[in-house]
Amino acid sequence: MERIELTRDCEATQVPMGDKVVLEKGCEVMITQSLGGTFTVQVPAYNGLFRIAAHDADALGKTPAQAATPVGGADLESMVWEALKTCYDPEIPVNVVDLGLIYGMEIHPDADGASRVNVKMTLTAQGCGMGATIALDAREKLMMLPGVSEANVELVWDPPWNPQMISPEGRERLGLD
């Protein structure tokens, strides 16, 4: 864990409730996870975990992660899946794809050559207050892809998620195998 003093006020999302708070300049935080461009920090003064968005990386003295450059010749479907693999639950070091949280993805071409992307995803627990935050993170990353005119990420609960949905890569990362 890396201990840091915030260089400016920044908005954070309380984990797992999803409440927005402002962490003040000078507040001491410890980075517990830095994946997909976002940061999970432990804040002793607030006695809890918080997620700091990529656009506030400078408050931690970090450089915001740049959007991935599409690999030459990659089709939109591949780019969508790669973008979704950069989205993480702030408490679990496995991306939403490998956690088995993505239930479906559809691409609908528009007449102007751009495309609308619809994603159905779930969470590991229905009561998780971070759902809207994770879905928004996924939507924002999809909207950064070339050729995407609209992205919709819908949270669904059927079928209920269970640990057997985790990919072999995710299971290895979590030490489940």
Protein backbone atom coordinates (compact mmCIF):
# COMPACT_ATOMS: atom_id res chain seq x y z
CA MET A 1 0.00 0.00 0.00
CA GLU A 2 1.27 3.42 -0.96
CA ARG A 3 0.66 6.26 1.53
CA ILE A 4 -0.15 9.63 -0.09
CA GLU A 5 -1.32 13.06 1.00
CA LEU A 6 -3.93 14.56 -1.33
CA THR A 7 -2.64 17.63 -3.18
CA ARG A 8 -6.15 19.07 -3.64
CA ASP A 9 -9.78 18.41 -2.75
CA CYS A 10 -11.28 15.64 -4.85
CA GLU A 11 -14.55 13.79 -5.14
CA ALA A 12 -14.57 10.14 -4.12
CA THR A 13 -17.16 7.39 -3.92
CA GLN A 14 -17.51 5.51 -0.65
CA VAL A 15 -17.12 1.74 -1.03
CA PRO A 16 -19.42 -0.21 -0.97
CA MET A 17 -22.26 2.26 -0.28
CA GLY A 18 -21.69 4.41 -3.37
CA ASP A 19 -22.10 7.73 -1.54
CA LYS A 20 -20.18 10.71 -2.96
CA VAL A 21 -17.87 12.62 -0.62
CA VAL A 22 -15.18 15.25 -1.01
CA LEU A 23 -11.81 14.25 0.40
CA GLU A 24 -9.96 17.38 1.45
CA LYS A 25 -6.52 18.55 0.42
CA GLY A 26 -3.91 17.22 2.86
CA CYS A 27 -5.98 14.15 3.75
CA GLU A 28 -3.80 11.07 4.10
CA VAL A 29 -4.83 8.07 1.99
CA MET A 30 -3.35 4.66 1.23
CA ILE A 31 -3.79 3.28 -2.29
CA THR A 32 -5.00 -0.30 -1.96
CA GLN A 33 -5.82 -0.90 -5.64
CA SER A 34 -4.99 0.90 -8.87
CA LEU A 35 -6.60 -0.92 -11.78
CA GLY A 36 -8.32 0.25 -14.93
CA GLY A 37 -7.39 3.87 -14.30
CA THR A 38 -9.29 4.22 -11.02
CA PHE A 39 -7.90 4.11 -7.49
CA THR A 40 -9.26 2.45 -4.37
CA VAL A 41 -7.94 4.21 -1.28
CA GLN A 42 -8.20 3.58 2.43
CA VAL A 43 -8.77 6.82 4.33
CA PRO A 44 -8.03 6.54 8.05
CA ALA A 45 -9.65 9.93 8.81
CA TYR A 46 -12.94 8.66 7.34
CA ASN A 47 -12.47 5.07 8.52
CA GLY A 48 -13.22 3.48 5.17
CA LEU A 49 -12.54 2.71 1.53
CA PHE A 50 -13.16 5.14 -1.31
CA ARG A 51 -12.85 5.06 -5.08
CA ILE A 52 -11.15 7.96 -6.83
CA ALA A 53 -11.86 8.36 -10.55
CA ALA A 54 -9.12 8.52 -13.16
CA HIS A 55 -9.77 12.22 -13.85
CA ASP A 56 -8.77 12.96 -10.23
CA ALA A 57 -5.48 11.02 -10.41
CA ASP A 58 -3.52 14.28 -10.09
CA ALA A 59 -4.88 14.75 -6.54
CA LEU A 60 -2.91 11.60 -5.71
CA GLY A 61 0.16 12.83 -7.55
CA LYS A 62 -0.53 10.31 -10.33
CA THR A 63 -0.97 10.74 -14.07
CA PRO A 64 -4.43 9.89 -15.39
CA ALA A 65 -4.43 6.70 -17.46
CA GLN A 66 -4.81 7.27 -21.17
CA ALA A 67 -7.46 5.47 -23.16
CA ALA A 68 -6.11 2.38 -24.82
CA THR A 69 -5.24 2.83 -28.45
CA PRO A 70 -7.10 0.30 -30.59
CA VAL A 71 -4.86 -2.32 -32.15
CA GLY A 72 -4.62 -1.91 -35.91
CA GLY A 73 -7.38 -3.87 -37.62
CA ALA A 74 -9.24 -4.58 -34.37
CA ASP A 75 -12.96 -4.76 -34.90
CA LEU A 76 -15.38 -2.84 -32.72
CA GLU A 77 -16.54 -5.94 -30.88
CA SER A 78 -12.97 -6.75 -29.82
CA MET A 79 -12.40 -3.15 -28.76
CA VAL A 80 -15.59 -3.20 -26.66
CA TRP A 81 -14.52 -6.35 -24.84
CA GLU A 82 -11.03 -4.93 -24.24
CA ALA A 83 -12.53 -1.69 -22.88
CA LEU A 84 -14.80 -3.65 -20.52
CA LYS A 85 -11.74 -5.54 -19.27
CA THR A 86 -10.44 -2.21 -17.92
CA CYS A 87 -13.43 -1.88 -15.55
CA TYR A 88 -13.03 -3.12 -11.99
CA ASP A 89 -15.01 -3.46 -8.81
CA PRO A 90 -13.03 -1.33 -6.32
CA GLU A 91 -12.85 -4.23 -3.86
CA ILE A 92 -11.93 -7.05 -6.25
CA PRO A 93 -8.73 -7.10 -8.35
CA VAL A 94 -10.40 -8.82 -11.32
CA ASN A 95 -12.06 -7.02 -14.23
CA VAL A 96 -15.83 -7.24 -14.77
CA VAL A 97 -15.46 -9.51 -17.81
CA ASP A 98 -13.33 -12.11 -16.01
CA LEU A 99 -15.59 -11.88 -12.94
CA GLY A 100 -18.42 -13.05 -15.19
CA LEU A 101 -20.44 -9.87 -14.63
CA ILE A 102 -21.07 -9.15 -18.31
CA TYR A 103 -24.18 -11.04 -19.41
CA GLY A 104 -24.46 -9.66 -22.89
CA MET A 105 -23.16 -7.12 -25.39
CA GLU A 106 -24.78 -5.99 -28.64
CA ILE A 107 -23.55 -3.58 -31.27
CA HIS A 108 -26.11 -1.79 -33.44
CA PRO A 109 -24.72 0.09 -36.46
CA ASP A 110 -26.30 3.49 -37.19
CA ALA A 111 -26.98 4.80 -40.69
CA ASP A 112 -24.14 7.33 -40.28
CA GLY A 113 -21.52 4.59 -39.82
CA ALA A 114 -21.21 4.92 -36.04
CA SER A 115 -22.55 2.29 -33.64
CA ARG A 116 -24.62 2.02 -30.47
CA VAL A 117 -23.32 -0.42 -27.86
CA ASN A 118 -25.65 -2.05 -25.34
CA VAL A 119 -24.22 -4.02 -22.43
CA LYS A 120 -26.07 -6.04 -19.80
CA MET A 121 -24.10 -6.56 -16.63
CA THR A 122 -24.70 -7.62 -13.08
CA LEU A 123 -22.85 -7.28 -9.77
CA THR A 124 -21.56 -9.81 -7.29
CA ALA A 125 -24.26 -8.65 -4.84
CA GLN A 126 -27.57 -6.88 -5.49
CA GLY A 127 -27.15 -4.53 -2.55
CA CYS A 128 -23.79 -3.17 -3.74
CA GLY A 129 -23.98 0.61 -3.80
CA MET A 130 -21.13 0.75 -6.34
CA GLY A 131 -23.28 -0.61 -9.18
CA ALA A 132 -24.07 2.75 -10.74
CA THR A 133 -20.43 3.82 -10.43
CA ILE A 134 -19.11 0.66 -12.11
CA ALA A 135 -21.74 0.90 -14.88
CA LEU A 136 -20.87 4.57 -15.46
CA ASP A 137 -17.17 3.70 -15.64
CA ALA A 138 -17.93 1.05 -18.28
CA ARG A 139 -20.14 3.46 -20.25
CA GLU A 140 -17.48 6.21 -20.22
CA LYS A 141 -14.81 3.80 -21.47
CA LEU A 142 -17.08 2.55 -24.25
CA MET A 143 -17.87 6.12 -25.32
CA MET A 144 -14.13 6.75 -25.79
CA LEU A 145 -13.92 4.06 -28.48
CA PRO A 146 -13.74 5.27 -32.07
CA GLY A 147 -17.00 4.68 -33.90
CA VAL A 148 -19.20 4.50 -30.78
CA SER A 149 -21.98 7.10 -30.85
CA GLU A 150 -23.93 5.81 -27.86
CA ALA A 151 -23.31 3.33 -25.05
CA ASN A 152 -25.85 1.92 -22.63
CA VAL A 153 -24.87 -0.24 -19.65
CA GLU A 154 -27.87 -1.84 -17.97
CA LEU A 155 -27.63 -3.53 -14.56
CA VAL A 156 -29.60 -6.79 -14.50
CA TRP A 157 -30.10 -9.41 -11.80
CA ASP A 158 -31.22 -12.47 -13.74
CA PRO A 159 -29.60 -14.89 -13.62
CA PRO A 160 -28.12 -14.21 -10.18
CA TRP A 161 -24.31 -14.06 -10.27
CA ASN A 162 -22.34 -16.84 -8.60
CA PRO A 163 -18.60 -17.59 -8.30
CA GLN A 164 -18.77 -20.32 -10.95
CA MET A 165 -19.18 -17.49 -13.51
CA ILE A 166 -15.60 -16.31 -12.92
CA SER A 167 -13.30 -17.05 -15.87
CA PRO A 168 -10.25 -19.31 -15.44
CA GLU A 169 -8.07 -16.16 -15.58
CA GLY A 170 -10.12 -14.51 -12.84
CA ARG A 171 -10.08 -17.64 -10.70
CA GLU A 172 -6.30 -17.78 -10.99
CA ARG A 173 -5.97 -14.08 -10.06
CA LEU A 174 -8.14 -14.66 -6.98
CA GLY A 175 -6.30 -17.86 -6.03
CA LEU A 176 -9.45 -19.97 -6.35
CA ASP A 177 -7.82 -22.80 -8.29
